[in-house]
Amino acid sequence: MTGDIFIDIVAPVKKLPMWDSDVEAESVKMLPGGSALNQGRHLHALGTRVRFFGAVGDDTLGRSLVQQVAGQGFPTETMKMFSNLPSSVCIVLSGPSDRAFVSCYSTTDAFTARDLQEQADRLDGCTHFHLGGYFNMKGLQSRDFTEFVRSLKSSSMTISMNTQCDAAGHWCGEGNHLEEFLPHVDLLFVNISEGEHLCSALCHEGDRSINALPLALCKRFPNTTVVVTQGEHGCTVYRHGMQSIYVPTKPAVRIVDATGCGDAFIAGFLSSWLAQATAPNTDAERKALIEACGRGHAVASVCLAREGACVEPVRPRDLE
């Protein structure tokens, strides 16, 4: 899998600081972050073999992150360190009712298809390729990356991705890259807001009501299965020509921090779905999708009861 890596600097504050002023934080923590890295660490901890391709800077923050996740048993040998760039960092000011962010996208922007091609031999034996945090990876929004993924599909790999929020507000990638890329994607994970924005950007005809938007996205990309997460209301799976599948989630026993629950869901889903090879449009596939959603909900519920997006990844014993 590949995607974004961030060092999260998290400071809980009661109010945001003004210019030329200071606000006290109860603590300041440095945590490994990034949608893709969170997903990869959960997925690996759940028992799926993972090879992770991403980048940090060869600086104090980058080396610290690699050391921390490696200490948890996560494989880091395919992570790249850019010697001439600072690591991508997200400063999170977390208040009682809202949050604010300051982000540096240096190494996430710099990582390109060439960095993947240089290690293509490390993908030998892999059966699935996942891209996490698409909109944070400008360097992968290119024809070269599309061709790279096309070659993986030709070798019988399945492909999945999640988009994250598009901070630029375009929702179609650099040079409308997403339009050429999505036809090669087997599984697309979005939340409701992301799904609505993608439909508005990519689907130019048909019913524009909120309930019809996932179906419009599936009609536009008929070979892609779309999993729409709905927080406490569960999730729904859509594909063109297939009856939609709604899978509710159980009420949360304990709520501490919703940050990272979407990443945990994706990891849980993939850990189940990848273990089941089923033919499309069969009862077996429908059963596998329902089980994968249930596993995703279970992993997300554990994450919901913890502080931080992925301070410690969820392990099978946590689901017992």
C-alpha atoms as a PDB file:
ATOM      1  CA  MET A   1       0.000   0.000   0.000  1.00  0.00           C
ATOM      2  CA  THR A   2       1.019   3.593  -0.465  1.00  0.00           C
ATOM      3  CA  GLY A   3      -0.106   7.041   0.622  1.00  0.00           C
ATOM      4  CA  ASP A   4       0.324   9.873   3.069  1.00  0.00           C
ATOM      5  CA  ILE A   5       2.542   9.977   6.141  1.00  0.00           C
ATOM      6  CA  PHE A   6       2.362  12.910   8.548  1.00  0.00           C
ATOM      7  CA  ILE A   7       3.882  13.638  11.906  1.00  0.00           C
ATOM      8  CA  ASP A   8       0.967  14.950  13.954  1.00  0.00           C
ATOM      9  CA  ILE A   9       1.775  17.581  16.585  1.00  0.00           C
ATOM     10  CA  VAL A  10      -1.324  17.660  18.779  1.00  0.00           C
ATOM     11  CA  ALA A  11      -2.047  20.405  21.328  1.00  0.00           C
ATOM     12  CA  PRO A  12      -5.389  20.557  23.189  1.00  0.00           C
ATOM     13  CA  VAL A  13      -6.319  24.199  23.826  1.00  0.00           C
ATOM     14  CA  LYS A  14      -9.363  25.977  25.236  1.00  0.00           C
ATOM     15  CA  LYS A  15      -9.249  28.663  22.552  1.00  0.00           C
ATOM     16  CA  LEU A  16      -7.207  29.488  19.478  1.00  0.00           C
ATOM     17  CA  PRO A  17      -4.325  31.933  19.948  1.00  0.00           C
ATOM     18  CA  MET A  18      -4.438  35.417  18.464  1.00  0.00           C
ATOM     19  CA  TRP A  19      -1.440  37.005  16.760  1.00  0.00           C
ATOM     20  CA  ASP A  20       1.149  38.240  19.281  1.00  0.00           C
ATOM     21  CA  SER A  21      -0.412  36.159  22.067  1.00  0.00           C
ATOM     22  CA  ASP A  22       0.091  32.838  23.812  1.00  0.00           C
ATOM     23  CA  VAL A  23      -2.383  30.113  24.762  1.00  0.00           C
ATOM     24  CA  GLU A  24      -1.495  27.389  27.229  1.00  0.00           C
ATOM     25  CA  ALA A  25      -1.900  23.733  26.238  1.00  0.00           C
ATOM     26  CA  GLU A  26      -2.246  20.961  28.802  1.00  0.00           C
ATOM     27  CA  SER A  27       0.147  18.845  26.747  1.00  0.00           C
ATOM     28  CA  VAL A  28       1.810  18.686  23.333  1.00  0.00           C
ATOM     29  CA  LYS A  29       2.200  15.259  21.761  1.00  0.00           C
ATOM     30  CA  MET A  30       4.007  14.048  18.658  1.00  0.00           C
ATOM     31  CA  LEU A  31       2.170  11.140  17.037  1.00  0.00           C
ATOM     32  CA  PRO A  32       2.523   9.139  13.816  1.00  0.00           C
ATOM     33  CA  GLY A  33      -0.221  10.142  11.410  1.00  0.00           C
ATOM     34  CA  GLY A  34      -1.462  10.254   7.864  1.00  0.00           C
ATOM     35  CA  SER A  35      -4.519   8.419   6.574  1.00  0.00           C
ATOM     36  CA  ALA A  36      -2.528   5.755   4.733  1.00  0.00           C
ATOM     37  CA  LEU A  37      -0.066   5.129   7.558  1.00  0.00           C
ATOM     38  CA  ASN A  38      -2.925   4.795  10.057  1.00  0.00           C
ATOM     39  CA  GLN A  39      -4.655   2.296   7.784  1.00  0.00           C
ATOM     40  CA  GLY A  40      -1.459   0.358   7.154  1.00  0.00           C
ATOM     41  CA  ARG A  41      -0.567   0.081  10.840  1.00  0.00           C
ATOM     42  CA  HIS A  42      -4.058  -1.124  11.769  1.00  0.00           C
ATOM     43  CA  LEU A  43      -4.122  -3.573   8.856  1.00  0.00           C
ATOM     44  CA  HIS A  44      -0.724  -5.010   9.757  1.00  0.00           C
ATOM     45  CA  ALA A  45      -1.649  -5.305  13.448  1.00  0.00           C
ATOM     46  CA  LEU A  46      -4.835  -7.162  12.477  1.00  0.00           C
ATOM     47  CA  GLY A  47      -2.750  -9.859  10.835  1.00  0.00           C
ATOM     48  CA  THR A  48      -2.531  -8.875   7.161  1.00  0.00           C
ATOM     49  CA  ARG A  49       0.953  -8.775   5.652  1.00  0.00           C
ATOM     50  CA  VAL A  50       1.682  -5.199   4.586  1.00  0.00           C
ATOM     51  CA  ARG A  51       4.417  -3.544   2.550  1.00  0.00           C
ATOM     52  CA  PHE A  52       4.126   0.207   2.940  1.00  0.00           C
ATOM     53  CA  PHE A  53       5.478   2.700   0.403  1.00  0.00           C
ATOM     54  CA  GLY A  54       5.594   6.322   1.523  1.00  0.00           C
ATOM     55  CA  ALA A  55       8.032   9.046   2.478  1.00  0.00           C
ATOM     56  CA  VAL A  56       9.306  11.194   5.318  1.00  0.00           C
ATOM     57  CA  GLY A  57      12.213  13.606   5.493  1.00  0.00           C
ATOM     58  CA  ASP A  58      15.609  12.570   6.792  1.00  0.00           C
ATOM     59  CA  ASP A  59      15.192  14.845   9.793  1.00  0.00           C
ATOM     60  CA  THR A  60      14.573  14.456  13.508  1.00  0.00           C
ATOM     61  CA  LEU A  61      10.796  14.191  13.114  1.00  0.00           C
ATOM     62  CA  GLY A  62      10.962  11.711  10.248  1.00  0.00           C
ATOM     63  CA  ARG A  63      13.495   9.461  11.925  1.00  0.00           C
ATOM     64  CA  SER A  64      11.496   9.553  15.160  1.00  0.00           C
ATOM     65  CA  LEU A  65       8.309   8.477  13.373  1.00  0.00           C
ATOM     66  CA  VAL A  66      10.021   5.584  11.605  1.00  0.00           C
ATOM     67  CA  GLN A  67      11.596   4.447  14.863  1.00  0.00           C
ATOM     68  CA  GLN A  68       8.270   4.638  16.698  1.00  0.00           C
ATOM     69  CA  VAL A  69       6.210   2.610  14.208  1.00  0.00           C
ATOM     70  CA  ALA A  70       9.032   0.112  13.685  1.00  0.00           C
ATOM     71  CA  GLY A  71       9.091  -0.373  17.451  1.00  0.00           C
ATOM     72  CA  GLN A  72       5.452  -1.479  17.203  1.00  0.00           C
ATOM     73  CA  GLY A  73       6.451  -4.114  14.651  1.00  0.00           C
ATOM     74  CA  PHE A  74       5.361  -2.230  11.527  1.00  0.00           C
ATOM     75  CA  PRO A  75       7.560  -2.871   8.456  1.00  0.00           C
ATOM     76  CA  THR A  76       9.398   0.304   7.411  1.00  0.00           C
ATOM     77  CA  GLU A  77      12.000  -1.004   4.961  1.00  0.00           C
ATOM     78  CA  THR A  78      10.096   0.327   1.930  1.00  0.00           C
ATOM     79  CA  MET A  79       9.615   3.829   3.379  1.00  0.00           C
ATOM     80  CA  LYS A  80      11.690   6.487   1.634  1.00  0.00           C
ATOM     81  CA  MET A  81      13.588   9.279   3.386  1.00  0.00           C
ATOM     82  CA  PHE A  82      14.071  12.451   1.344  1.00  0.00           C
ATOM     83  CA  SER A  83      17.432  13.905   2.349  1.00  0.00           C
ATOM     84  CA  ASN A  84      16.636  17.409   1.098  1.00  0.00           C
ATOM     85  CA  LEU A  85      13.103  17.885   2.468  1.00  0.00           C
ATOM     86  CA  PRO A  86      11.520  18.330   5.896  1.00  0.00           C
ATOM     87  CA  SER A  87       8.957  15.709   6.867  1.00  0.00           C
ATOM     88  CA  SER A  88       5.287  16.455   6.276  1.00  0.00           C
ATOM     89  CA  VAL A  89       3.756  17.685   9.526  1.00  0.00           C
ATOM     90  CA  CYS A  90       0.240  18.494  10.692  1.00  0.00           C
ATOM     91  CA  ILE A  91      -0.092  20.741  13.749  1.00  0.00           C
ATOM     92  CA  VAL A  92      -3.470  20.089  15.368  1.00  0.00           C
ATOM     93  CA  LEU A  93      -4.935  22.677  17.749  1.00  0.00           C
ATOM     94  CA  SER A  94      -7.808  20.801  19.343  1.00  0.00           C
ATOM     95  CA  GLY A  95     -10.453  22.837  21.171  1.00  0.00           C
ATOM     96  CA  PRO A  96     -13.607  21.947  23.117  1.00  0.00           C
ATOM     97  CA  SER A  97     -15.857  22.081  20.054  1.00  0.00           C
ATOM     98  CA  ASP A  98     -13.620  22.362  16.996  1.00  0.00           C
ATOM     99  CA  ARG A  99     -10.099  21.994  15.654  1.00  0.00           C
ATOM    100  CA  ALA A 100      -7.666  23.989  13.532  1.00  0.00           C
ATOM    101  CA  PHE A 101      -4.739  22.694  11.504  1.00  0.00           C
ATOM    102  CA  VAL A 102      -1.427  23.944  10.165  1.00  0.00           C
ATOM    103  CA  SER A 103       0.053  21.524   7.627  1.00  0.00           C
ATOM    104  CA  CYS A 104       3.290  21.073   5.701  1.00  0.00           C
ATOM    105  CA  TYR A 105       2.910  18.792   2.665  1.00  0.00           C
ATOM    106  CA  SER A 106       6.577  18.638   1.656  1.00  0.00           C
ATOM    107  CA  THR A 107       7.252  14.901   1.440  1.00  0.00           C
ATOM    108  CA  THR A 108       3.690  13.884   0.554  1.00  0.00           C
ATOM    109  CA  ASP A 109       3.817  16.237  -2.450  1.00  0.00           C
ATOM    110  CA  ALA A 110       7.281  15.021  -3.471  1.00  0.00           C
ATOM    111  CA  PHE A 111       6.485  11.285  -3.519  1.00  0.00           C
ATOM    112  CA  THR A 112       5.800  10.179  -7.119  1.00  0.00           C
ATOM    113  CA  ALA A 113       5.236   7.111  -9.271  1.00  0.00           C
ATOM    114  CA  ARG A 114       8.986   6.993  -9.870  1.00  0.00           C
ATOM    115  CA  ASP A 115       9.530   6.293  -6.167  1.00  0.00           C
ATOM    116  CA  LEU A 116       7.167   3.334  -6.477  1.00  0.00           C
ATOM    117  CA  GLN A 117       8.708   2.107  -9.715  1.00  0.00           C
ATOM    118  CA  GLU A 118      12.147   2.077  -8.087  1.00  0.00           C
ATOM    119  CA  GLN A 119      10.844  -0.514  -5.629  1.00  0.00           C
ATOM    120  CA  ALA A 120       8.418  -2.329  -7.920  1.00  0.00           C
ATOM    121  CA  ASP A 121      10.141  -5.656  -7.247  1.00  0.00           C
ATOM    122  CA  ARG A 122       9.016  -5.376  -3.604  1.00  0.00           C
ATOM    123  CA  LEU A 123       5.441  -5.814  -4.839  1.00  0.00           C
ATOM    124  CA  ASP A 124       6.162  -9.347  -6.057  1.00  0.00           C
ATOM    125  CA  GLY A 125       3.762 -11.724  -4.358  1.00  0.00           C
ATOM    126  CA  CYS A 126       1.269  -9.003  -3.425  1.00  0.00           C
ATOM    127  CA  THR A 127      -2.373  -9.543  -4.364  1.00  0.00           C
ATOM    128  CA  HIS A 128      -3.812  -6.124  -3.500  1.00  0.00           C
ATOM    129  CA  PHE A 129      -2.711  -2.485  -3.751  1.00  0.00           C
ATOM    130  CA  HIS A 130      -4.269   0.244  -1.594  1.00  0.00           C
ATOM    131  CA  LEU A 131      -3.817   4.007  -1.951  1.00  0.00           C
ATOM    132  CA  GLY A 132      -4.610   5.996   1.182  1.00  0.00           C
ATOM    133  CA  GLY A 133      -5.135   9.758   1.363  1.00  0.00           C
ATOM    134  CA  TYR A 134      -5.275  10.370  -2.403  1.00  0.00           C
ATOM    135  CA  PHE A 135      -5.794  14.134  -2.230  1.00  0.00           C
ATOM    136  CA  ASN A 136      -2.739  14.498   0.027  1.00  0.00           C
ATOM    137  CA  MET A 137      -0.554  12.812  -2.615  1.00  0.00           C
ATOM    138  CA  LYS A 138      -0.225  15.351  -5.433  1.00  0.00           C
ATOM    139  CA  GLY A 139       2.839  13.576  -6.805  1.00  0.00           C
ATOM    140  CA  LEU A 140       0.743  10.477  -7.515  1.00  0.00           C
ATOM    141  CA  GLN A 141      -1.947  12.379  -9.391  1.00  0.00           C
ATOM    142  CA  SER A 142      -0.281  11.709 -12.717  1.00  0.00           C
ATOM    143  CA  ARG A 143      -0.523   9.566 -15.831  1.00  0.00           C
ATOM    144  CA  ASP A 144       2.638   7.741 -14.740  1.00  0.00           C
ATOM    145  CA  PHE A 145       0.880   6.576 -11.575  1.00  0.00           C
ATOM    146  CA  THR A 146      -2.207   5.554 -13.548  1.00  0.00           C
ATOM    147  CA  GLU A 147      -0.019   3.432 -15.822  1.00  0.00           C
ATOM    148  CA  PHE A 148       1.736   1.959 -12.785  1.00  0.00           C
ATOM    149  CA  VAL A 149      -1.598   0.889 -11.291  1.00  0.00           C
ATOM    150  CA  ARG A 150      -2.790  -0.370 -14.672  1.00  0.00           C
ATOM    151  CA  SER A 151       0.236  -2.671 -14.775  1.00  0.00           C
ATOM    152  CA  LEU A 152      -0.607  -3.969 -11.296  1.00  0.00           C
ATOM    153  CA  LYS A 153      -4.160  -4.747 -12.394  1.00  0.00           C
ATOM    154  CA  SER A 154      -2.858  -6.590 -15.440  1.00  0.00           C
ATOM    155  CA  SER A 155      -0.982  -8.868 -13.024  1.00  0.00           C
ATOM    156  CA  SER A 156      -4.307  -9.655 -11.281  1.00  0.00           C
ATOM    157  CA  MET A 157      -3.956  -7.313  -8.301  1.00  0.00           C
ATOM    158  CA  THR A 158      -7.089  -5.714  -6.924  1.00  0.00           C
ATOM    159  CA  ILE A 159      -7.003  -1.963  -6.219  1.00  0.00           C
ATOM    160  CA  SER A 160      -8.596   0.138  -3.480  1.00  0.00           C
ATOM    161  CA  MET A 161      -8.342   3.739  -2.361  1.00  0.00           C
ATOM    162  CA  ASN A 162      -9.731   6.401  -0.074  1.00  0.00           C
ATOM    163  CA  THR A 163      -9.601  10.060  -0.998  1.00  0.00           C
ATOM    164  CA  GLN A 164      -9.549  12.107   2.219  1.00  0.00           C
ATOM    165  CA  CYS A 165     -10.721  15.717   1.998  1.00  0.00           C
ATOM    166  CA  ASP A 166      -9.479  17.836  -0.891  1.00  0.00           C
ATOM    167  CA  ALA A 167      -8.097  20.950   0.802  1.00  0.00           C
ATOM    168  CA  ALA A 168      -7.924  22.665  -2.603  1.00  0.00           C
ATOM    169  CA  GLY A 169     -11.666  22.167  -3.074  1.00  0.00           C
ATOM    170  CA  HIS A 170     -11.449  20.770  -6.626  1.00  0.00           C
ATOM    171  CA  TRP A 171     -12.204  17.092  -5.883  1.00  0.00           C
ATOM    172  CA  CYS A 172     -10.893  15.774  -9.176  1.00  0.00           C
ATOM    173  CA  GLY A 173      -7.114  15.659  -8.691  1.00  0.00           C
ATOM    174  CA  GLU A 174      -4.341  17.492 -10.491  1.00  0.00           C
ATOM    175  CA  GLY A 175      -5.328  17.928 -14.142  1.00  0.00           C
ATOM    176  CA  ASN A 176      -8.586  16.012 -13.497  1.00  0.00           C
ATOM    177  CA  HIS A 177      -6.482  12.923 -12.788  1.00  0.00           C
ATOM    178  CA  LEU A 178      -9.202  11.179 -10.793  1.00  0.00           C
ATOM    179  CA  GLU A 179     -11.387  10.767 -13.886  1.00  0.00           C
ATOM    180  CA  GLU A 180      -8.742   8.656 -15.622  1.00  0.00           C
ATOM    181  CA  PHE A 181      -7.730   6.826 -12.439  1.00  0.00           C
ATOM    182  CA  LEU A 182     -11.034   5.699 -10.904  1.00  0.00           C
ATOM    183  CA  PRO A 183     -11.893   3.207 -13.685  1.00  0.00           C
ATOM    184  CA  HIS A 184      -8.961   1.114 -12.422  1.00  0.00           C
ATOM    185  CA  VAL A 185     -10.168   1.116  -8.803  1.00  0.00           C
ATOM    186  CA  ASP A 186     -12.086  -1.900  -7.487  1.00  0.00           C
ATOM    187  CA  LEU A 187     -12.959  -0.460  -4.063  1.00  0.00           C
ATOM    188  CA  LEU A 188     -13.484   3.216  -3.209  1.00  0.00           C
ATOM    189  CA  PHE A 189     -13.959   4.290   0.414  1.00  0.00           C
ATOM    190  CA  VAL A 190     -15.615   7.659   1.106  1.00  0.00           C
ATOM    191  CA  ASN A 191     -17.620   9.273   3.855  1.00  0.00           C
ATOM    192  CA  ILE A 192     -20.871  11.042   3.014  1.00  0.00           C
ATOM    193  CA  SER A 193     -19.280  14.461   2.519  1.00  0.00           C
ATOM    194  CA  GLU A 194     -16.467  13.102   0.346  1.00  0.00           C
ATOM    195  CA  GLY A 195     -18.956  11.138  -1.761  1.00  0.00           C
ATOM    196  CA  GLU A 196     -21.106  14.207  -2.354  1.00  0.00           C
ATOM    197  CA  HIS A 197     -18.118  16.315  -3.386  1.00  0.00           C
ATOM    198  CA  LEU A 198     -16.806  13.618  -5.731  1.00  0.00           C
ATOM    199  CA  CYS A 199     -20.196  13.302  -7.398  1.00  0.00           C
ATOM    200  CA  SER A 200     -20.472  17.041  -7.869  1.00  0.00           C
ATOM    201  CA  ALA A 201     -17.021  17.129  -9.477  1.00  0.00           C
ATOM    202  CA  LEU A 202     -17.174  13.959 -11.581  1.00  0.00           C
ATOM    203  CA  CYS A 203     -20.832  13.205 -12.347  1.00  0.00           C
ATOM    204  CA  HIS A 204     -22.280  15.762 -14.707  1.00  0.00           C
ATOM    205  CA  GLU A 205     -25.685  14.263 -15.472  1.00  0.00           C
ATOM    206  CA  GLY A 206     -28.641  12.695 -13.681  1.00  0.00           C
ATOM    207  CA  ASP A 207     -30.401  13.097 -10.342  1.00  0.00           C
ATOM    208  CA  ARG A 208     -28.559  15.519  -8.040  1.00  0.00           C
ATOM    209  CA  SER A 209     -30.387  14.601  -4.824  1.00  0.00           C
ATOM    210  CA  ILE A 210     -28.244  13.445  -1.908  1.00  0.00           C
ATOM    211  CA  ASN A 211     -29.711   9.918  -1.900  1.00  0.00           C
ATOM    212  CA  ALA A 212     -28.990   9.482  -5.607  1.00  0.00           C
ATOM    213  CA  LEU A 213     -25.374  10.684  -5.524  1.00  0.00           C
ATOM    214  CA  PRO A 214     -23.711   7.320  -4.700  1.00  0.00           C
ATOM    215  CA  LEU A 215     -25.678   5.675  -7.505  1.00  0.00           C
ATOM    216  CA  ALA A 216     -24.584   8.427  -9.890  1.00  0.00           C
ATOM    217  CA  LEU A 217     -20.958   7.815  -8.922  1.00  0.00           C
ATOM    218  CA  CYS A 218     -21.377   4.075  -9.530  1.00  0.00           C
ATOM    219  CA  LYS A 219     -23.012   4.690 -12.894  1.00  0.00           C
ATOM    220  CA  ARG A 220     -20.099   6.945 -13.864  1.00  0.00           C
ATOM    221  CA  PHE A 221     -17.581   4.280 -12.756  1.00  0.00           C
ATOM    222  CA  PRO A 222     -19.491   0.980 -13.134  1.00  0.00           C
ATOM    223  CA  ASN A 223     -16.613  -1.336 -12.194  1.00  0.00           C
ATOM    224  CA  THR A 224     -15.965   0.358  -8.857  1.00  0.00           C
ATOM    225  CA  THR A 225     -17.573  -0.772  -5.611  1.00  0.00           C
ATOM    226  CA  VAL A 226     -18.206   2.297  -3.440  1.00  0.00           C
ATOM    227  CA  VAL A 227     -18.280   1.960   0.357  1.00  0.00           C
ATOM    228  CA  VAL A 228     -19.884   5.014   1.968  1.00  0.00           C
ATOM    229  CA  THR A 229     -19.253   5.341   5.705  1.00  0.00           C
ATOM    230  CA  GLN A 230     -21.912   7.126   7.734  1.00  0.00           C
ATOM    231  CA  GLY A 231     -20.401   7.366  11.219  1.00  0.00           C
ATOM    232  CA  GLU A 232     -22.787   6.167  13.917  1.00  0.00           C
ATOM    233  CA  HIS A 233     -25.297   5.225  11.206  1.00  0.00           C
ATOM    234  CA  GLY A 234     -23.134   2.460   9.751  1.00  0.00           C
ATOM    235  CA  CYS A 235     -22.209   2.190   6.086  1.00  0.00           C
ATOM    236  CA  THR A 236     -23.676   1.361   2.687  1.00  0.00           C
ATOM    237  CA  VAL A 237     -22.034  -0.491  -0.202  1.00  0.00           C
ATOM    238  CA  TYR A 238     -22.945   0.442  -3.765  1.00  0.00           C
ATOM    239  CA  ARG A 239     -22.049  -0.839  -7.222  1.00  0.00           C
ATOM    240  CA  HIS A 240     -23.698  -0.301 -10.589  1.00  0.00           C
ATOM    241  CA  GLY A 241     -26.171  -3.101 -11.246  1.00  0.00           C
ATOM    242  CA  MET A 242     -25.987  -4.429  -7.665  1.00  0.00           C
ATOM    243  CA  GLN A 243     -28.579  -3.959  -4.943  1.00  0.00           C
ATOM    244  CA  SER A 244     -27.071  -1.689  -2.308  1.00  0.00           C
ATOM    245  CA  ILE A 245     -26.025  -3.220   1.016  1.00  0.00           C
ATOM    246  CA  TYR A 246     -26.639  -1.345   4.256  1.00  0.00           C
ATOM    247  CA  VAL A 247     -24.730  -2.552   7.324  1.00  0.00           C
ATOM    248  CA  PRO A 248     -25.565  -0.813  10.627  1.00  0.00           C
ATOM    249  CA  THR A 249     -23.083  -0.431  13.442  1.00  0.00           C
ATOM    250  CA  LYS A 250     -23.695  -1.175  17.100  1.00  0.00           C
ATOM    251  CA  PRO A 251     -24.108   1.764  19.510  1.00  0.00           C
ATOM    252  CA  ALA A 252     -20.755   2.898  20.872  1.00  0.00           C
ATOM    253  CA  VAL A 253     -19.985   1.658  24.373  1.00  0.00           C
ATOM    254  CA  ARG A 254     -17.406   4.402  24.962  1.00  0.00           C
ATOM    255  CA  ILE A 255     -16.632   7.562  22.997  1.00  0.00           C
ATOM    256  CA  VAL A 256     -13.261   9.236  23.538  1.00  0.00           C
ATOM    257  CA  ASP A 257     -12.028  10.519  20.164  1.00  0.00           C
ATOM    258  CA  ALA A 258     -13.542  10.039  16.697  1.00  0.00           C
ATOM    259  CA  THR A 259     -10.291  11.032  14.973  1.00  0.00           C
ATOM    260  CA  GLY A 260      -9.062   8.227  12.746  1.00  0.00           C
ATOM    261  CA  CYS A 261     -12.174   6.052  12.949  1.00  0.00           C
ATOM    262  CA  GLY A 262     -12.555   6.141   9.167  1.00  0.00           C
ATOM    263  CA  ASP A 263      -9.010   4.843   8.729  1.00  0.00           C
ATOM    264  CA  ALA A 264      -9.679   2.108  11.288  1.00  0.00           C
ATOM    265  CA  PHE A 265     -12.846   1.101   9.418  1.00  0.00           C
ATOM    266  CA  ILE A 266     -10.946   0.775   6.133  1.00  0.00           C
ATOM    267  CA  ALA A 267      -8.282  -1.400   7.749  1.00  0.00           C
ATOM    268  CA  GLY A 268     -10.889  -3.613   9.371  1.00  0.00           C
ATOM    269  CA  PHE A 269     -12.840  -3.916   6.124  1.00  0.00           C
ATOM    270  CA  LEU A 270      -9.756  -4.847   4.101  1.00  0.00           C
ATOM    271  CA  SER A 271      -8.534  -7.344   6.705  1.00  0.00           C
ATOM    272  CA  SER A 272     -11.756  -9.297   6.176  1.00  0.00           C
ATOM    273  CA  TRP A 273     -12.376  -8.675   2.471  1.00  0.00           C
ATOM    274  CA  LEU A 274      -8.851  -9.637   1.391  1.00  0.00           C
ATOM    275  CA  ALA A 275      -9.173 -12.990   3.144  1.00  0.00           C
ATOM    276  CA  GLN A 276     -12.195 -13.941   1.026  1.00  0.00           C
ATOM    277  CA  ALA A 277     -11.941 -14.500  -2.714  1.00  0.00           C
ATOM    278  CA  THR A 278     -15.462 -14.371  -4.153  1.00  0.00           C
ATOM    279  CA  ALA A 279     -16.913 -14.039  -7.636  1.00  0.00           C
ATOM    280  CA  PRO A 280     -18.744 -10.756  -8.309  1.00  0.00           C
ATOM    281  CA  ASN A 281     -22.527 -10.536  -8.118  1.00  0.00           C
ATOM    282  CA  THR A 282     -22.941 -13.722  -6.097  1.00  0.00           C
ATOM    283  CA  ASP A 283     -24.455 -14.483  -2.711  1.00  0.00           C
ATOM    284  CA  ALA A 284     -20.938 -15.286  -1.508  1.00  0.00           C
ATOM    285  CA  GLU A 285     -19.715 -11.818  -2.499  1.00  0.00           C
ATOM    286  CA  ARG A 286     -22.641 -10.163  -0.754  1.00  0.00           C
ATOM    287  CA  LYS A 287     -21.916 -12.150   2.406  1.00  0.00           C
ATOM    288  CA  ALA A 288     -18.216 -11.218   2.203  1.00  0.00           C
ATOM    289  CA  LEU A 289     -19.053  -7.510   1.859  1.00  0.00           C
ATOM    290  CA  ILE A 290     -21.397  -7.623   4.855  1.00  0.00           C
ATOM    291  CA  GLU A 291     -18.749  -9.379   6.957  1.00  0.00           C
ATOM    292  CA  ALA A 292     -16.101  -6.875   5.855  1.00  0.00           C
ATOM    293  CA  CYS A 293     -18.315  -3.951   6.856  1.00  0.00           C
ATOM    294  CA  GLY A 294     -18.973  -5.581  10.221  1.00  0.00           C
ATOM    295  CA  ARG A 295     -15.249  -6.030  10.787  1.00  0.00           C
ATOM    296  CA  GLY A 296     -14.682  -2.406   9.813  1.00  0.00           C
ATOM    297  CA  HIS A 297     -17.288  -1.235  12.319  1.00  0.00           C
ATOM    298  CA  ALA A 298     -15.706  -3.348  15.068  1.00  0.00           C
ATOM    299  CA  VAL A 299     -12.219  -1.932  14.494  1.00  0.00           C
ATOM    300  CA  ALA A 300     -13.578   1.630  14.274  1.00  0.00           C
ATOM    301  CA  SER A 301     -15.415   1.148  17.589  1.00  0.00           C
ATOM    302  CA  VAL A 302     -12.159   0.228  19.325  1.00  0.00           C
ATOM    303  CA  CYS A 303     -10.498   3.315  17.815  1.00  0.00           C
ATOM    304  CA  LEU A 304     -13.428   5.470  18.975  1.00  0.00           C
ATOM    305  CA  ALA A 305     -12.760   4.471  22.582  1.00  0.00           C
ATOM    306  CA  ARG A 306      -9.111   5.604  22.419  1.00  0.00           C
ATOM    307  CA  GLU A 307      -7.372   8.955  22.341  1.00  0.00           C
ATOM    308  CA  GLY A 308      -5.753   9.835  19.004  1.00  0.00           C
ATOM    309  CA  ALA A 309      -6.126   8.478  15.495  1.00  0.00           C
ATOM    310  CA  CYS A 310      -3.688   5.587  15.886  1.00  0.00           C
ATOM    311  CA  VAL A 311      -1.382   5.925  18.875  1.00  0.00           C
ATOM    312  CA  GLU A 312      -1.521   2.135  19.101  1.00  0.00           C
ATOM    313  CA  PRO A 313      -2.987   0.105  16.230  1.00  0.00           C
ATOM    314  CA  VAL A 314      -5.988  -2.137  16.853  1.00  0.00           C
ATOM    315  CA  ARG A 315      -5.105  -5.813  17.267  1.00  0.00           C
ATOM    316  CA  PRO A 316      -7.305  -8.944  17.137  1.00  0.00           C
ATOM    317  CA  ARG A 317      -7.277  -9.264  20.938  1.00  0.00           C
ATOM    318  CA  ASP A 318      -8.887  -5.808  21.156  1.00  0.00           C
ATOM    319  CA  LEU A 319     -11.910  -7.161  19.269  1.00  0.00           C
ATOM    320  CA  GLU A 320     -12.587 -10.030  21.667  1.00  0.00           C
END
